[in-house]
PDB file of all heavy atoms in Angstrom:
ATOM      1  N   ALA A   1     -30.204   3.883 -47.963  1.00  0.00           N
ATOM      2  CA  ALA A   1     -29.153   4.391 -48.920  1.00  0.00           C
ATOM      3  C   ALA A   1     -28.735   3.316 -49.867  1.00  0.00           C
ATOM      4  O   ALA A   1     -28.382   3.592 -51.025  1.00  0.00           O
ATOM      5  CB  ALA A   1     -27.995   5.012 -48.155  1.00  0.00           C
ATOM      6  N   GLN A   2     -28.652   2.058 -49.400  1.00  0.00           N
ATOM      7  CA  GLN A   2     -28.200   0.943 -50.185  1.00  0.00           C
ATOM      8  C   GLN A   2     -28.879  -0.323 -49.695  1.00  0.00           C
ATOM      9  O   GLN A   2     -29.117  -0.464 -48.542  1.00  0.00           O
ATOM     10  CB  GLN A   2     -26.694   0.857 -50.092  1.00  0.00           C
ATOM     11  CG  GLN A   2     -26.083  -0.241 -50.960  1.00  0.00           C
ATOM     12  CD  GLN A   2     -24.546  -0.308 -50.801  1.00  0.00           C
ATOM     13  OE1 GLN A   2     -23.989   0.087 -49.791  1.00  0.00           O
ATOM     14  NE2 GLN A   2     -23.907  -0.852 -51.832  1.00  0.00           N
ATOM     15  N   LEU A   3     -29.100  -1.242 -50.675  1.00  0.00           N
ATOM     16  CA  LEU A   3     -29.687  -2.527 -50.326  1.00  0.00           C
ATOM     17  C   LEU A   3     -28.553  -3.516 -50.012  1.00  0.00           C
ATOM     18  O   LEU A   3     -27.568  -3.589 -50.728  1.00  0.00           O
ATOM     19  CB  LEU A   3     -30.525  -3.079 -51.426  1.00  0.00           C
ATOM     20  CG  LEU A   3     -31.730  -2.254 -51.778  1.00  0.00           C
ATOM     21  CD1 LEU A   3     -32.455  -2.838 -53.031  1.00  0.00           C
ATOM     22  CD2 LEU A   3     -32.729  -2.220 -50.653  1.00  0.00           C
ATOM     23  N   ARG A   4     -28.682  -4.276 -48.914  1.00  0.00           N
ATOM     24  CA  ARG A   4     -27.690  -5.287 -48.554  1.00  0.00           C
ATOM     25  C   ARG A   4     -28.450  -6.561 -48.187  1.00  0.00           C
ATOM     26  O   ARG A   4     -29.560  -6.552 -47.670  1.00  0.00           O
ATOM     27  CB  ARG A   4     -26.897  -4.856 -47.347  1.00  0.00           C
ATOM     28  CG  ARG A   4     -26.070  -3.618 -47.653  1.00  0.00           C
ATOM     29  CD  ARG A   4     -25.013  -3.370 -46.579  1.00  0.00           C
ATOM     30  NE  ARG A   4     -24.053  -2.394 -46.993  1.00  0.00           N
ATOM     31  CZ  ARG A   4     -22.950  -2.540 -47.702  1.00  0.00           C
ATOM     32  NH1 ARG A   4     -22.686  -3.775 -48.098  1.00  0.00           N
ATOM     33  NH2 ARG A   4     -22.219  -1.572 -48.029  1.00  0.00           N
ATOM     34  N   TYR A   5     -27.760  -7.686 -48.460  1.00  0.00           N
ATOM     35  CA  TYR A   5     -28.321  -8.979 -48.126  1.00  0.00           C
ATOM     36  C   TYR A   5     -28.212  -9.188 -46.609  1.00  0.00           C
ATOM     37  O   TYR A   5     -27.161  -8.882 -46.020  1.00  0.00           O
ATOM     38  CB  TYR A   5     -27.587 -10.113 -48.819  1.00  0.00           C
ATOM     39  CG  TYR A   5     -27.930 -10.215 -50.280  1.00  0.00           C
ATOM     40  CD1 TYR A   5     -27.010  -9.819 -51.268  1.00  0.00           C
ATOM     41  CD2 TYR A   5     -29.153 -10.737 -50.687  1.00  0.00           C
ATOM     42  CE1 TYR A   5     -27.353  -9.902 -52.559  1.00  0.00           C
ATOM     43  CE2 TYR A   5     -29.521 -10.815 -52.044  1.00  0.00           C
ATOM     44  CZ  TYR A   5     -28.567 -10.401 -53.000  1.00  0.00           C
ATOM     45  OH  TYR A   5     -28.884 -10.501 -54.374  1.00  0.00           O
ATOM     46  N   ASP A   6     -29.316  -9.687 -45.980  1.00  0.00           N
ATOM     47  CA  ASP A   6     -29.283 -10.010 -44.593  1.00  0.00           C
ATOM     48  C   ASP A   6     -28.220 -11.085 -44.297  1.00  0.00           C
ATOM     49  O   ASP A   6     -28.060 -11.969 -45.127  1.00  0.00           O
ATOM     50  CB  ASP A   6     -30.641 -10.478 -44.073  1.00  0.00           C
ATOM     51  CG  ASP A   6     -31.720  -9.382 -44.050  1.00  0.00           C
ATOM     52  OD1 ASP A   6     -31.360  -8.214 -44.368  1.00  0.00           O
ATOM     53  OD2 ASP A   6     -32.856  -9.686 -43.805  1.00  0.00           O
ATOM     54  N   GLY A   7     -27.646 -11.059 -43.167  1.00  0.00           N
ATOM     55  CA  GLY A   7     -26.679 -12.110 -42.837  1.00  0.00           C
ATOM     56  C   GLY A   7     -25.298 -11.759 -43.303  1.00  0.00           C
ATOM     57  O   GLY A   7     -24.402 -11.550 -42.539  1.00  0.00           O
ATOM     58  N   SER A   8     -25.085 -11.686 -44.661  1.00  0.00           N
ATOM     59  CA  SER A   8     -23.772 -11.468 -45.174  1.00  0.00           C
ATOM     60  C   SER A   8     -23.392  -9.998 -45.241  1.00  0.00           C
ATOM     61  O   SER A   8     -22.200  -9.623 -45.211  1.00  0.00           O
ATOM     62  CB  SER A   8     -23.691 -12.048 -46.580  1.00  0.00           C
ATOM     63  OG  SER A   8     -24.381 -11.237 -47.494  1.00  0.00           O
ATOM     64  N   GLY A   9     -24.399  -9.079 -45.409  1.00  0.00           N
ATOM     65  CA  GLY A   9     -24.123  -7.695 -45.501  1.00  0.00           C
ATOM     66  C   GLY A   9     -23.575  -7.315 -46.887  1.00  0.00           C
ATOM     67  O   GLY A   9     -23.277  -6.144 -47.098  1.00  0.00           O
ATOM     68  N   GLN A  10     -23.559  -8.192 -47.817  1.00  0.00           N
ATOM     69  CA  GLN A  10     -23.099  -7.923 -49.168  1.00  0.00           C
ATOM     70  C   GLN A  10     -24.087  -7.028 -49.885  1.00  0.00           C
ATOM     71  O   GLN A  10     -25.304  -7.131 -49.688  1.00  0.00           O
ATOM     72  CB  GLN A  10     -22.943  -9.250 -49.970  1.00  0.00           C
ATOM     73  CG  GLN A  10     -21.867 -10.144 -49.466  1.00  0.00           C
ATOM     74  CD  GLN A  10     -20.497  -9.529 -49.613  1.00  0.00           C
ATOM     75  OE1 GLN A  10     -20.186  -8.932 -50.649  1.00  0.00           O
ATOM     76  NE2 GLN A  10     -19.701  -9.644 -48.583  1.00  0.00           N
ATOM     77  N   PRO A  11     -23.616  -6.119 -50.761  1.00  0.00           N
ATOM     78  CA  PRO A  11     -24.521  -5.240 -51.495  1.00  0.00           C
ATOM     79  C   PRO A  11     -25.346  -6.042 -52.472  1.00  0.00           C
ATOM     80  O   PRO A  11     -24.894  -6.985 -53.078  1.00  0.00           O
ATOM     81  CB  PRO A  11     -23.624  -4.277 -52.194  1.00  0.00           C
ATOM     82  CG  PRO A  11     -22.213  -4.704 -51.954  1.00  0.00           C
ATOM     83  CD  PRO A  11     -22.231  -5.810 -51.006  1.00  0.00           C
ATOM     84  N   VAL A  12     -26.571  -5.585 -52.672  1.00  0.00           N
ATOM     85  CA  VAL A  12     -27.535  -6.213 -53.644  1.00  0.00           C
ATOM     86  C   VAL A  12     -27.270  -5.560 -54.987  1.00  0.00           C
ATOM     87  O   VAL A  12     -27.350  -4.313 -55.102  1.00  0.00           O
ATOM     88  CB  VAL A  12     -28.972  -6.041 -53.183  1.00  0.00           C
ATOM     89  CG1 VAL A  12     -29.942  -6.585 -54.262  1.00  0.00           C
ATOM     90  CG2 VAL A  12     -29.237  -6.709 -51.847  1.00  0.00           C
ATOM     91  N   PRO A  13     -27.002  -6.298 -56.020  1.00  0.00           N
ATOM     92  CA  PRO A  13     -26.698  -5.726 -57.331  1.00  0.00           C
ATOM     93  C   PRO A  13     -27.878  -5.248 -58.180  1.00  0.00           C
ATOM     94  O   PRO A  13     -28.184  -5.787 -59.231  1.00  0.00           O
ATOM     95  CB  PRO A  13     -25.923  -6.830 -58.101  1.00  0.00           C
ATOM     96  CG  PRO A  13     -26.501  -8.080 -57.512  1.00  0.00           C
ATOM     97  CD  PRO A  13     -26.844  -7.792 -56.079  1.00  0.00           C
ATOM     98  N   LEU A  14     -28.622  -4.271 -57.594  1.00  0.00           N
ATOM     99  CA  LEU A  14     -29.729  -3.665 -58.317  1.00  0.00           C
ATOM    100  C   LEU A  14     -29.367  -2.204 -58.621  1.00  0.00           C
ATOM    101  O   LEU A  14     -28.916  -1.461 -57.706  1.00  0.00           O
ATOM    102  CB  LEU A  14     -31.011  -3.675 -57.455  1.00  0.00           C
ATOM    103  CG  LEU A  14     -31.839  -4.940 -57.471  1.00  0.00           C
ATOM    104  CD1 LEU A  14     -33.045  -4.766 -56.593  1.00  0.00           C
ATOM    105  CD2 LEU A  14     -32.251  -5.377 -58.859  1.00  0.00           C
ATOM    106  N   ALA A  15     -29.501  -1.797 -59.852  1.00  0.00           N
ATOM    107  CA  ALA A  15     -29.204  -0.449 -60.190  1.00  0.00           C
ATOM    108  C   ALA A  15     -30.329   0.454 -59.729  1.00  0.00           C
ATOM    109  O   ALA A  15     -31.487   0.110 -59.786  1.00  0.00           O
ATOM    110  CB  ALA A  15     -29.051  -0.309 -61.725  1.00  0.00           C
ATOM    111  N   GLY A  16     -29.990   1.630 -59.241  1.00  0.00           N
ATOM    112  CA  GLY A  16     -30.951   2.617 -58.796  1.00  0.00           C
ATOM    113  C   GLY A  16     -30.249   3.673 -57.938  1.00  0.00           C
ATOM    114  O   GLY A  16     -29.175   3.492 -57.464  1.00  0.00           O
ATOM    115  N   LYS A  17     -30.984   4.748 -57.741  1.00  0.00           N
ATOM    116  CA  LYS A  17     -30.492   5.855 -56.896  1.00  0.00           C
ATOM    117  C   LYS A  17     -31.199   5.855 -55.534  1.00  0.00           C
ATOM    118  O   LYS A  17     -30.718   6.439 -54.610  1.00  0.00           O
ATOM    119  CB  LYS A  17     -30.692   7.196 -57.598  1.00  0.00           C
ATOM    120  CG  LYS A  17     -29.854   7.335 -58.837  1.00  0.00           C
ATOM    121  CD  LYS A  17     -30.154   8.718 -59.495  1.00  0.00           C
ATOM    122  CE  LYS A  17     -29.444   8.800 -60.821  1.00  0.00           C
ATOM    123  NZ  LYS A  17     -29.783  10.015 -61.531  1.00  0.00           N
ATOM    124  N   TYR A  18     -32.418   5.305 -55.515  1.00  0.00           N
ATOM    125  CA  TYR A  18     -33.215   5.269 -54.325  1.00  0.00           C
ATOM    126  C   TYR A  18     -33.697   3.825 -54.047  1.00  0.00           C
ATOM    127  O   TYR A  18     -33.966   3.106 -55.001  1.00  0.00           O
ATOM    128  CB  TYR A  18     -34.445   6.192 -54.448  1.00  0.00           C
ATOM    129  CG  TYR A  18     -34.038   7.638 -54.750  1.00  0.00           C
ATOM    130  CD1 TYR A  18     -33.875   8.072 -56.040  1.00  0.00           C
ATOM    131  CD2 TYR A  18     -33.776   8.497 -53.691  1.00  0.00           C
ATOM    132  CE1 TYR A  18     -33.516   9.405 -56.287  1.00  0.00           C
ATOM    133  CE2 TYR A  18     -33.382   9.828 -53.933  1.00  0.00           C
ATOM    134  CZ  TYR A  18     -33.227  10.251 -55.222  1.00  0.00           C
ATOM    135  OH  TYR A  18     -32.840  11.566 -55.458  1.00  0.00           O
ATOM    136  N   PHE A  19     -33.823   3.493 -52.761  1.00  0.00           N
ATOM    137  CA  PHE A  19     -34.150   2.099 -52.452  1.00  0.00           C
ATOM    138  C   PHE A  19     -35.157   2.090 -51.271  1.00  0.00           C
ATOM    139  O   PHE A  19     -35.086   2.904 -50.353  1.00  0.00           O
ATOM    140  CB  PHE A  19     -32.864   1.339 -52.048  1.00  0.00           C
ATOM    141  CG  PHE A  19     -31.833   1.371 -53.123  1.00  0.00           C
ATOM    142  CD1 PHE A  19     -30.833   2.299 -53.048  1.00  0.00           C
ATOM    143  CD2 PHE A  19     -31.886   0.526 -54.184  1.00  0.00           C
ATOM    144  CE1 PHE A  19     -29.832   2.336 -54.047  1.00  0.00           C
ATOM    145  CE2 PHE A  19     -30.918   0.542 -55.186  1.00  0.00           C
ATOM    146  CZ  PHE A  19     -29.872   1.448 -55.088  1.00  0.00           C
ATOM    147  N   LEU A  20     -36.007   1.089 -51.282  1.00  0.00           N
ATOM    148  CA  LEU A  20     -36.899   0.813 -50.157  1.00  0.00           C
ATOM    149  C   LEU A  20     -36.601  -0.570 -49.657  1.00  0.00           C
ATOM    150  O   LEU A  20     -36.458  -1.532 -50.458  1.00  0.00           O
ATOM    151  CB  LEU A  20     -38.387   0.858 -50.603  1.00  0.00           C
ATOM    152  CG  LEU A  20     -38.973   2.212 -50.956  1.00  0.00           C
ATOM    153  CD1 LEU A  20     -40.425   2.051 -51.426  1.00  0.00           C
ATOM    154  CD2 LEU A  20     -38.858   3.187 -49.785  1.00  0.00           C
ATOM    155  N   GLU A  21     -36.544  -0.737 -48.340  1.00  0.00           N
ATOM    156  CA  GLU A  21     -36.421  -2.019 -47.713  1.00  0.00           C
ATOM    157  C   GLU A  21     -37.769  -2.423 -47.108  1.00  0.00           C
ATOM    158  O   GLU A  21     -38.361  -1.602 -46.374  1.00  0.00           O
ATOM    159  CB  GLU A  21     -35.342  -1.987 -46.589  1.00  0.00           C
ATOM    160  CG  GLU A  21     -35.180  -3.344 -45.920  1.00  0.00           C
ATOM    161  CD  GLU A  21     -34.161  -3.239 -44.810  1.00  0.00           C
ATOM    162  OE1 GLU A  21     -34.559  -2.749 -43.722  1.00  0.00           O
ATOM    163  OE2 GLU A  21     -33.003  -3.676 -45.012  1.00  0.00           O
ATOM    164  N   ILE A  22     -38.291  -3.564 -47.465  1.00  0.00           N
ATOM    165  CA  ILE A  22     -39.601  -4.092 -47.000  1.00  0.00           C
ATOM    166  C   ILE A  22     -39.275  -5.287 -46.116  1.00  0.00           C
ATOM    167  O   ILE A  22     -38.756  -6.282 -46.555  1.00  0.00           O
ATOM    168  CB  ILE A  22     -40.492  -4.487 -48.179  1.00  0.00           C
ATOM    169  CG1 ILE A  22     -40.607  -3.344 -49.180  1.00  0.00           C
ATOM    170  CG2 ILE A  22     -41.819  -4.987 -47.700  1.00  0.00           C
ATOM    171  CD1 ILE A  22     -41.139  -3.753 -50.567  1.00  0.00           C
ATOM    172  N   ARG A  23     -39.632  -5.148 -44.813  1.00  0.00           N
ATOM    173  CA  ARG A  23     -39.250  -6.172 -43.809  1.00  0.00           C
ATOM    174  C   ARG A  23     -40.506  -6.691 -43.155  1.00  0.00           C
ATOM    175  O   ARG A  23     -41.304  -5.979 -42.590  1.00  0.00           O
ATOM    176  CB  ARG A  23     -38.370  -5.507 -42.747  1.00  0.00           C
ATOM    177  CG  ARG A  23     -37.113  -6.150 -42.455  1.00  0.00           C
ATOM    178  CD  ARG A  23     -36.285  -5.205 -41.584  1.00  0.00           C
ATOM    179  NE  ARG A  23     -35.580  -5.995 -40.615  1.00  0.00           N
ATOM    180  CZ  ARG A  23     -34.533  -6.725 -40.815  1.00  0.00           C
ATOM    181  NH1 ARG A  23     -34.028  -6.759 -42.068  1.00  0.00           N
ATOM    182  NH2 ARG A  23     -33.938  -7.416 -39.927  1.00  0.00           N
ATOM    183  N   LEU A  24     -40.695  -8.023 -43.219  1.00  0.00           N
ATOM    184  CA  LEU A  24     -41.825  -8.690 -42.611  1.00  0.00           C
ATOM    185  C   LEU A  24     -41.326  -9.496 -41.402  1.00  0.00           C
ATOM    186  O   LEU A  24     -40.339 -10.202 -41.495  1.00  0.00           O
ATOM    187  CB  LEU A  24     -42.463  -9.689 -43.616  1.00  0.00           C
ATOM    188  CG  LEU A  24     -43.015  -9.060 -44.913  1.00  0.00           C
ATOM    189  CD1 LEU A  24     -41.944  -8.987 -45.975  1.00  0.00           C
ATOM    190  CD2 LEU A  24     -44.197  -9.814 -45.393  1.00  0.00           C
ATOM    191  N   ASN A  25     -42.103  -9.386 -40.290  1.00  0.00           N
ATOM    192  CA  ASN A  25     -41.746 -10.049 -39.038  1.00  0.00           C
ATOM    193  C   ASN A  25     -42.996 -10.241 -38.155  1.00  0.00           C
ATOM    194  O   ASN A  25     -43.725  -9.304 -37.956  1.00  0.00           O
ATOM    195  CB  ASN A  25     -40.680  -9.294 -38.303  1.00  0.00           C
ATOM    196  CG  ASN A  25     -40.412  -9.839 -36.925  1.00  0.00           C
ATOM    197  OD1 ASN A  25     -40.856  -9.333 -35.932  1.00  0.00           O
ATOM    198  ND2 ASN A  25     -39.662 -10.980 -36.904  1.00  0.00           N
ATOM    199  N   PRO A  26     -43.211 -11.425 -37.607  1.00  0.00           N
ATOM    200  CA  PRO A  26     -42.462 -12.683 -37.904  1.00  0.00           C
ATOM    201  C   PRO A  26     -42.936 -13.209 -39.247  1.00  0.00           C
ATOM    202  O   PRO A  26     -44.101 -13.145 -39.626  1.00  0.00           O
ATOM    203  CB  PRO A  26     -42.921 -13.577 -36.795  1.00  0.00           C
ATOM    204  CG  PRO A  26     -44.283 -13.138 -36.447  1.00  0.00           C
ATOM    205  CD  PRO A  26     -44.276 -11.616 -36.655  1.00  0.00           C
ATOM    206  N   ALA A  27     -41.952 -13.773 -39.963  1.00  0.00           N
ATOM    207  CA  ALA A  27     -42.236 -14.385 -41.308  1.00  0.00           C
ATOM    208  C   ALA A  27     -41.065 -15.280 -41.656  1.00  0.00           C
ATOM    209  O   ALA A  27     -39.989 -15.150 -41.106  1.00  0.00           O
ATOM    210  CB  ALA A  27     -42.382 -13.269 -42.372  1.00  0.00           C
ATOM    211  N   ALA A  28     -41.375 -16.214 -42.551  1.00  0.00           N
ATOM    212  CA  ALA A  28     -40.314 -17.129 -43.032  1.00  0.00           C
ATOM    213  C   ALA A  28     -40.628 -17.437 -44.496  1.00  0.00           C
ATOM    214  O   ALA A  28     -41.759 -17.372 -44.952  1.00  0.00           O
ATOM    215  CB  ALA A  28     -40.280 -18.417 -42.267  1.00  0.00           C
ATOM    216  N   ALA A  29     -39.577 -17.703 -45.274  1.00  0.00           N
ATOM    217  CA  ALA A  29     -39.760 -18.126 -46.683  1.00  0.00           C
ATOM    218  C   ALA A  29     -39.317 -19.573 -46.796  1.00  0.00           C
ATOM    219  O   ALA A  29     -38.977 -20.048 -47.906  1.00  0.00           O
ATOM    220  CB  ALA A  29     -38.903 -17.236 -47.582  1.00  0.00           C
ATOM    221  N   HIS A  30     -39.306 -20.293 -45.699  1.00  0.00           N
ATOM    222  CA  HIS A  30     -38.909 -21.718 -45.667  1.00  0.00           C
ATOM    223  C   HIS A  30     -39.836 -22.411 -44.629  1.00  0.00           C
ATOM    224  O   HIS A  30     -40.372 -21.794 -43.766  1.00  0.00           O
ATOM    225  CB  HIS A  30     -37.497 -21.847 -45.257  1.00  0.00           C
ATOM    226  CG  HIS A  30     -37.192 -21.373 -43.893  1.00  0.00           C
ATOM    227  ND1 HIS A  30     -36.924 -20.011 -43.665  1.00  0.00           N
ATOM    228  CD2 HIS A  30     -37.120 -21.970 -42.708  1.00  0.00           C
ATOM    229  CE1 HIS A  30     -36.693 -19.835 -42.364  1.00  0.00           C
ATOM    230  NE2 HIS A  30     -36.811 -21.009 -41.789  1.00  0.00           N
ATOM    231  N   ASN A  31     -39.990 -23.774 -44.815  1.00  0.00           N
ATOM    232  CA  ASN A  31     -40.787 -24.516 -43.881  1.00  0.00           C
ATOM    233  C   ASN A  31     -39.947 -24.999 -42.717  1.00  0.00           C
ATOM    234  O   ASN A  31     -38.752 -24.679 -42.626  1.00  0.00           O
ATOM    235  CB  ASN A  31     -41.493 -25.658 -44.611  1.00  0.00           C
ATOM    236  CG  ASN A  31     -40.577 -26.613 -45.250  1.00  0.00           C
ATOM    237  OD1 ASN A  31     -39.363 -26.719 -44.878  1.00  0.00           O
ATOM    238  ND2 ASN A  31     -41.003 -27.380 -46.233  1.00  0.00           N
ATOM    239  N   ASP A  32     -40.542 -25.762 -41.781  1.00  0.00           N
ATOM    240  CA  ASP A  32     -39.824 -26.237 -40.643  1.00  0.00           C
ATOM    241  C   ASP A  32     -38.644 -27.163 -40.980  1.00  0.00           C
ATOM    242  O   ASP A  32     -37.699 -27.303 -40.221  1.00  0.00           O
ATOM    243  CB  ASP A  32     -40.774 -26.909 -39.677  1.00  0.00           C
ATOM    244  CG  ASP A  32     -41.681 -25.967 -38.983  1.00  0.00           C
ATOM    245  OD1 ASP A  32     -41.362 -24.759 -38.901  1.00  0.00           O
ATOM    246  OD2 ASP A  32     -42.729 -26.392 -38.492  1.00  0.00           O
ATOM    247  N   ALA A  33     -38.666 -27.793 -42.162  1.00  0.00           N
ATOM    248  CA  ALA A  33     -37.578 -28.611 -42.567  1.00  0.00           C
ATOM    249  C   ALA A  33     -36.451 -27.868 -43.288  1.00  0.00           C
ATOM    250  O   ALA A  33     -35.470 -28.423 -43.710  1.00  0.00           O
ATOM    251  CB  ALA A  33     -38.115 -29.701 -43.598  1.00  0.00           C
ATOM    252  N   GLY A  34     -36.640 -26.531 -43.409  1.00  0.00           N
ATOM    253  CA  GLY A  34     -35.630 -25.682 -44.043  1.00  0.00           C
ATOM    254  C   GLY A  34     -35.749 -25.545 -45.506  1.00  0.00           C
ATOM    255  O   GLY A  34     -34.866 -24.891 -46.132  1.00  0.00           O
ATOM    256  N   GLU A  35     -36.787 -26.127 -46.129  1.00  0.00           N
ATOM    257  CA  GLU A  35     -36.975 -26.079 -47.545  1.00  0.00           C
ATOM    258  C   GLU A  35     -37.683 -24.791 -47.908  1.00  0.00           C
ATOM    259  O   GLU A  35     -38.649 -24.381 -47.286  1.00  0.00           O
ATOM    260  CB  GLU A  35     -37.795 -27.284 -48.024  1.00  0.00           C
ATOM    261  CG  GLU A  35     -37.162 -28.601 -47.693  1.00  0.00           C
ATOM    262  CD  GLU A  35     -38.206 -29.767 -47.720  1.00  0.00           C
ATOM    263  OE1 GLU A  35     -39.422 -29.495 -47.530  1.00  0.00           O
ATOM    264  OE2 GLU A  35     -37.739 -30.888 -47.933  1.00  0.00           O
ATOM    265  N   SER A  36     -37.239 -24.180 -49.001  1.00  0.00           N
ATOM    266  CA  SER A  36     -37.837 -22.933 -49.446  1.00  0.00           C
ATOM    267  C   SER A  36     -39.285 -23.131 -49.895  1.00  0.00           C
ATOM    268  O   SER A  36     -39.581 -24.064 -50.612  1.00  0.00           O
ATOM    269  CB  SER A  36     -37.049 -22.349 -50.618  1.00  0.00           C
ATOM    270  OG  SER A  36     -37.618 -21.112 -51.054  1.00  0.00           O
ATOM    271  N   VAL A  37     -40.168 -22.232 -49.462  1.00  0.00           N
ATOM    272  CA  VAL A  37     -41.543 -22.195 -49.919  1.00  0.00           C
ATOM    273  C   VAL A  37     -41.777 -20.943 -50.788  1.00  0.00           C
ATOM    274  O   VAL A  37     -42.880 -20.787 -51.321  1.00  0.00           O
ATOM    275  CB  VAL A  37     -42.555 -22.177 -48.751  1.00  0.00           C
ATOM    276  CG1 VAL A  37     -42.422 -23.480 -47.933  1.00  0.00           C
ATOM    277  CG2 VAL A  37     -42.385 -20.976 -47.846  1.00  0.00           C
ATOM    278  N   TYR A  38     -40.721 -20.149 -50.953  1.00  0.00           N
ATOM    279  CA  TYR A  38     -40.819 -18.943 -51.746  1.00  0.00           C
ATOM    280  C   TYR A  38     -40.557 -19.272 -53.230  1.00  0.00           C
ATOM    281  O   TYR A  38     -39.531 -19.897 -53.562  1.00  0.00           O
ATOM    282  CB  TYR A  38     -39.774 -17.895 -51.260  1.00  0.00           C
ATOM    283  CG  TYR A  38     -39.773 -16.650 -52.089  1.00  0.00           C
ATOM    284  CD1 TYR A  38     -40.749 -15.691 -51.983  1.00  0.00           C
ATOM    285  CD2 TYR A  38     -38.721 -16.444 -52.972  1.00  0.00           C
ATOM    286  CE1 TYR A  38     -40.730 -14.569 -52.755  1.00  0.00           C
ATOM    287  CE2 TYR A  38     -38.670 -15.281 -53.737  1.00  0.00           C
ATOM    288  CZ  TYR A  38     -39.693 -14.367 -53.637  1.00  0.00           C
ATOM    289  OH  TYR A  38     -39.654 -13.230 -54.369  1.00  0.00           O
ATOM    290  N   HIS A  39     -41.535 -18.951 -54.111  1.00  0.00           N
ATOM    291  CA  HIS A  39     -41.448 -19.266 -55.532  1.00  0.00           C
ATOM    292  C   HIS A  39     -41.253 -18.002 -56.437  1.00  0.00           C
ATOM    293  O   HIS A  39     -41.409 -18.135 -57.628  1.00  0.00           O
ATOM    294  CB  HIS A  39     -42.709 -20.038 -55.924  1.00  0.00           C
ATOM    295  CG  HIS A  39     -42.861 -21.296 -55.150  1.00  0.00           C
ATOM    296  ND1 HIS A  39     -42.049 -22.377 -55.240  1.00  0.00           N
ATOM    297  CD2 HIS A  39     -43.800 -21.612 -54.218  1.00  0.00           C
ATOM    298  CE1 HIS A  39     -42.420 -23.314 -54.386  1.00  0.00           C
ATOM    299  NE2 HIS A  39     -43.502 -22.866 -53.711  1.00  0.00           N
ATOM    300  N   GLY A  40     -41.030 -16.882 -55.844  1.00  0.00           N
ATOM    301  CA  GLY A  40     -40.848 -15.687 -56.596  1.00  0.00           C
ATOM    302  C   GLY A  40     -39.436 -15.437 -56.991  1.00  0.00           C
ATOM    303  O   GLY A  40     -38.549 -16.226 -56.706  1.00  0.00           O
ATOM    304  N   PRO A  41     -39.194 -14.276 -57.585  1.00  0.00           N
ATOM    305  CA  PRO A  41     -37.818 -13.959 -58.034  1.00  0.00           C
ATOM    306  C   PRO A  41     -36.951 -13.579 -56.841  1.00  0.00           C
ATOM    307  O   PRO A  41     -37.385 -13.022 -55.851  1.00  0.00           O
ATOM    308  CB  PRO A  41     -38.039 -12.701 -58.917  1.00  0.00           C
ATOM    309  CG  PRO A  41     -39.284 -12.054 -58.374  1.00  0.00           C
ATOM    310  CD  PRO A  41     -40.187 -13.233 -57.905  1.00  0.00           C
ATOM    311  N   LYS A  42     -35.649 -13.965 -56.930  1.00  0.00           N
ATOM    312  CA  LYS A  42     -34.675 -13.629 -55.910  1.00  0.00           C
ATOM    313  C   LYS A  42     -34.022 -12.251 -56.216  1.00  0.00           C
ATOM    314  O   LYS A  42     -33.669 -11.483 -55.382  1.00  0.00           O
ATOM    315  CB  LYS A  42     -33.578 -14.679 -55.819  1.00  0.00           C
ATOM    316  CG  LYS A  42     -34.105 -16.050 -55.498  1.00  0.00           C
ATOM    317  CD  LYS A  42     -34.359 -16.187 -54.028  1.00  0.00           C
ATOM    318  CE  LYS A  42     -34.794 -17.614 -53.766  1.00  0.00           C
ATOM    319  NZ  LYS A  42     -34.721 -18.064 -52.449  1.00  0.00           N
TER     320      LYS A  42
END
C-alpha cells in the first residue's frame, strides 16, 4: 500500500497510487568494511 524505508519506517517520497516492494535475501549493498558497493539511484 505504501513504500517505507527499512529500519526507520519513514515513508518513501515517490508519487504513485500503486507500489511494488522488491526484496533480495541474502544480499548486501555494502562490503565487509561497511562501504557502499551500490552505484545506482537511491
